[in-house]
Amino acid sequence: MLKTNWISAVCMASLIASQPLSAEIYRWVDDQGNVEYSDQPRDGATKIEVQDPATISLPKLSNLPATTSGEDTPPPLQYKRLQITFPENGSAFHSGDGNITVLTEVSPDLLPNHSLRLTMDGSVMGTTKAGFFTLTNIDRGTHVLQLDIIDNSSVVQSGPSVTFTIHRPSVLKKN
């Protein structure tokens, strides 16, 4: 019943909007109790007085002077310092289990909606706000780390990449 009334109301609104202002609209209730509308009179129908639609006149906008300098808009935030502090670029070290902790430095502090994202050899290793990442079971060899500041998965700013080499004992080589 509610759906029928809603449909009837939409139909009436459409009829009113599409008819000239001098059109006559009639309303009646059918045998099942449904309210119906038409522009044709029928027995038991009552004529509905259609009012003129409400209109407003908007004032014209005055020509505003265009700003020629970007002094009114603040520049986007740039972090002054964004870097990996450990491991150092070009460093090599031994790690029997292949675990390392990557330390970072960011200045000024991260905005609430920003996070740090670390990638190694092009693969995302994790995101954090803490300023360090713990990487486990890293394969021996040379790797490239990249630190980015992200906002909703888009990169806001990137730091310089760091290349390091990790040495791990071989199970094939006996001492």
Protein backbone atom coordinates (compact mmCIF):
# COMPACT_ATOMS: atom_id res chain seq x y z
CA MET A 1 0.00 0.00 0.00
CA LEU A 2 2.82 2.40 0.91
CA LYS A 3 4.62 1.60 -2.34
CA THR A 4 1.44 2.30 -4.33
CA ASN A 5 0.99 5.68 -2.61
CA TRP A 6 4.60 6.56 -3.31
CA ILE A 7 4.26 5.62 -6.97
CA SER A 8 1.04 7.61 -7.18
CA ALA A 9 2.74 10.65 -5.65
CA VAL A 10 5.61 10.39 -8.14
CA CYS A 11 3.16 10.04 -11.02
CA MET A 12 1.23 13.07 -9.82
CA ALA A 13 4.40 15.11 -9.50
CA SER A 14 5.36 14.08 -13.03
CA LEU A 15 1.93 15.00 -14.34
CA ILE A 16 2.01 18.36 -12.64
CA ALA A 17 5.51 19.13 -13.91
CA SER A 18 4.76 18.07 -17.48
CA GLN A 19 1.38 19.75 -17.90
CA PRO A 20 0.84 23.38 -18.78
CA LEU A 21 -0.12 25.51 -15.81
CA SER A 22 -3.73 25.69 -17.00
CA ALA A 23 -4.15 21.88 -17.04
CA GLU A 24 -6.73 20.32 -14.75
CA ILE A 25 -5.84 17.40 -12.50
CA TYR A 26 -8.39 14.99 -11.02
CA ARG A 27 -8.02 12.66 -8.04
CA TRP A 28 -10.11 9.63 -7.09
CA VAL A 29 -9.92 6.40 -5.08
CA ASP A 30 -10.46 3.14 -7.01
CA ASP A 31 -12.31 0.01 -5.78
CA GLN A 32 -9.16 -1.36 -4.08
CA GLY A 33 -8.58 1.89 -2.16
CA ASN A 34 -5.71 3.12 -4.37
CA VAL A 35 -5.47 6.86 -4.97
CA GLU A 36 -5.23 7.69 -8.67
CA TYR A 37 -4.68 10.88 -10.65
CA SER A 38 -5.53 11.88 -14.20
CA ASP A 39 -6.07 14.86 -16.45
CA GLN A 40 -9.39 13.32 -17.55
CA PRO A 41 -12.45 13.75 -15.29
CA ARG A 42 -14.38 10.64 -14.19
CA ASP A 43 -17.22 9.82 -11.82
CA GLY A 44 -16.31 10.41 -8.18
CA ALA A 45 -13.14 12.38 -9.06
CA THR A 46 -12.37 15.67 -7.40
CA LYS A 47 -10.58 18.49 -9.17
CA ILE A 48 -7.21 19.45 -7.65
CA GLU A 49 -6.18 23.08 -7.68
CA VAL A 50 -2.65 23.26 -9.05
CA GLN A 51 -0.66 26.14 -7.65
CA ASP A 52 2.01 28.00 -9.55
CA PRO A 53 5.47 26.60 -8.84
CA ALA A 54 7.64 28.55 -6.42
CA THR A 55 10.39 30.47 -8.14
CA ILE A 56 13.21 32.62 -6.88
CA SER A 57 15.43 35.12 -8.62
CA LEU A 58 19.09 34.90 -7.81
CA PRO A 59 21.13 38.08 -7.65
CA LYS A 60 23.81 38.50 -10.29
CA LEU A 61 27.32 37.82 -9.12
CA SER A 62 29.66 40.74 -9.22
CA ASN A 63 32.93 40.22 -11.01
CA LEU A 64 35.46 39.22 -8.41
CA PRO A 65 39.08 40.12 -9.04
CA ALA A 66 41.17 37.12 -9.99
CA THR A 67 44.08 36.40 -7.70
CA THR A 68 47.33 36.46 -9.59
CA SER A 69 49.61 35.20 -6.86
CA GLY A 70 49.42 31.90 -5.04
CA GLU A 71 49.99 33.57 -1.67
CA ASP A 72 46.47 32.77 -0.47
CA THR A 73 46.90 29.00 -0.85
CA PRO A 74 49.46 27.33 1.38
CA PRO A 75 51.96 25.08 -0.38
CA PRO A 76 51.48 21.34 0.11
CA LEU A 77 53.27 19.93 3.15
CA GLN A 78 56.79 18.78 2.41
CA TYR A 79 58.57 16.67 4.98
CA LYS A 80 62.02 18.18 5.44
CA ARG A 81 63.60 14.89 6.42
CA LEU A 82 62.46 11.47 5.19
CA GLN A 83 65.12 8.80 5.22
CA ILE A 84 66.18 5.32 6.24
CA THR A 85 68.86 5.61 8.95
CA PHE A 86 69.59 1.86 9.24
CA PRO A 87 70.81 0.06 7.28
CA GLU A 88 73.03 2.71 5.74
CA ASN A 89 73.30 3.02 1.98
CA GLY A 90 76.02 0.71 0.62
CA SER A 91 76.38 -1.20 3.90
CA ALA A 92 76.95 -4.94 4.20
CA PHE A 93 76.43 -7.03 7.32
CA HIS A 94 75.93 -10.57 8.58
CA SER A 95 72.59 -11.82 9.82
CA GLY A 96 72.36 -15.53 10.54
CA ASP A 97 68.57 -15.62 10.65
CA GLY A 98 68.05 -12.95 7.98
CA ASN A 99 66.24 -10.60 10.35
CA ILE A 100 66.88 -6.85 10.32
CA THR A 101 65.24 -3.80 11.83
CA VAL A 102 64.92 -0.87 9.44
CA LEU A 103 65.08 2.49 11.24
CA THR A 104 63.62 5.65 9.72
CA GLU A 105 63.62 9.37 10.40
CA VAL A 106 60.79 11.77 9.49
CA SER A 107 60.65 15.48 10.22
CA PRO A 108 58.26 17.10 10.97
CA ASP A 109 56.15 14.37 12.58
CA LEU A 110 53.70 12.47 10.39
CA LEU A 111 50.26 13.97 9.96
CA PRO A 112 47.46 11.84 11.46
CA ASN A 113 46.31 10.61 8.03
CA HIS A 114 49.85 9.78 6.81
CA SER A 115 51.77 6.52 7.25
CA LEU A 116 55.20 5.20 6.35
CA ARG A 117 55.40 2.44 3.74
CA LEU A 118 58.55 0.40 3.18
CA THR A 119 59.26 -1.47 -0.04
CA MET A 120 62.14 -3.85 -0.62
CA ASP A 121 63.11 -4.74 -4.17
CA GLY A 122 59.75 -3.32 -5.33
CA SER A 123 57.59 -5.37 -2.91
CA VAL A 124 55.69 -3.72 -0.07
CA MET A 125 57.09 -4.93 3.25
CA GLY A 126 54.66 -3.06 5.50
CA THR A 127 53.22 0.23 6.72
CA THR A 128 53.60 1.88 10.11
CA LYS A 129 53.50 5.14 12.00
CA ALA A 130 56.14 3.94 14.49
CA GLY A 131 59.28 4.80 12.52
CA PHE A 132 60.77 1.31 12.29
CA PHE A 133 60.12 -1.93 10.42
CA THR A 134 61.17 -5.46 11.40
CA LEU A 135 61.97 -7.64 8.40
CA THR A 136 62.36 -11.38 8.91
CA ASN A 137 64.06 -14.15 6.96
CA ILE A 138 65.52 -11.85 4.31
CA ASP A 139 67.41 -13.71 1.59
CA ARG A 140 71.16 -13.19 1.33
CA GLY A 141 72.27 -10.76 -1.32
CA THR A 142 71.87 -7.13 -2.26
CA HIS A 143 68.53 -5.41 -1.70
CA VAL A 144 67.04 -1.95 -2.31
CA LEU A 145 64.81 -0.30 0.31
CA GLN A 146 62.44 2.58 -0.47
CA LEU A 147 60.59 4.64 2.16
CA ASP A 148 57.41 6.49 1.18
CA ILE A 149 54.85 8.57 3.05
CA ILE A 150 51.38 7.52 1.98
CA ASP A 151 47.88 8.89 2.39
CA ASN A 152 45.08 6.42 1.53
CA SER A 153 47.55 4.28 -0.45
CA SER A 154 48.75 7.14 -2.67
CA VAL A 155 52.33 8.33 -2.31
CA VAL A 156 52.65 11.78 -0.75
CA GLN A 157 56.46 11.91 -0.67
CA SER A 158 59.36 9.50 -1.24
CA GLY A 159 62.73 9.38 0.44
CA PRO A 160 66.04 8.33 -1.14
CA SER A 161 66.47 4.61 -1.71
CA VAL A 162 69.01 2.60 0.30
CA THR A 163 71.00 -0.35 -1.08
CA PHE A 164 72.46 -2.89 1.35
CA THR A 165 73.88 -6.40 1.27
CA ILE A 166 73.04 -9.09 3.76
CA HIS A 167 75.35 -12.06 4.34
CA ARG A 168 73.92 -15.29 5.72
CA PRO A 169 75.67 -18.57 6.41
CA SER A 170 75.20 -21.27 3.80
CA VAL A 171 73.91 -24.69 4.76
CA LEU A 172 76.05 -26.10 1.96
CA LYS A 173 79.35 -24.72 3.30
CA LYS A 174 80.72 -26.53 6.38
CA ASN A 175 83.36 -24.81 8.52
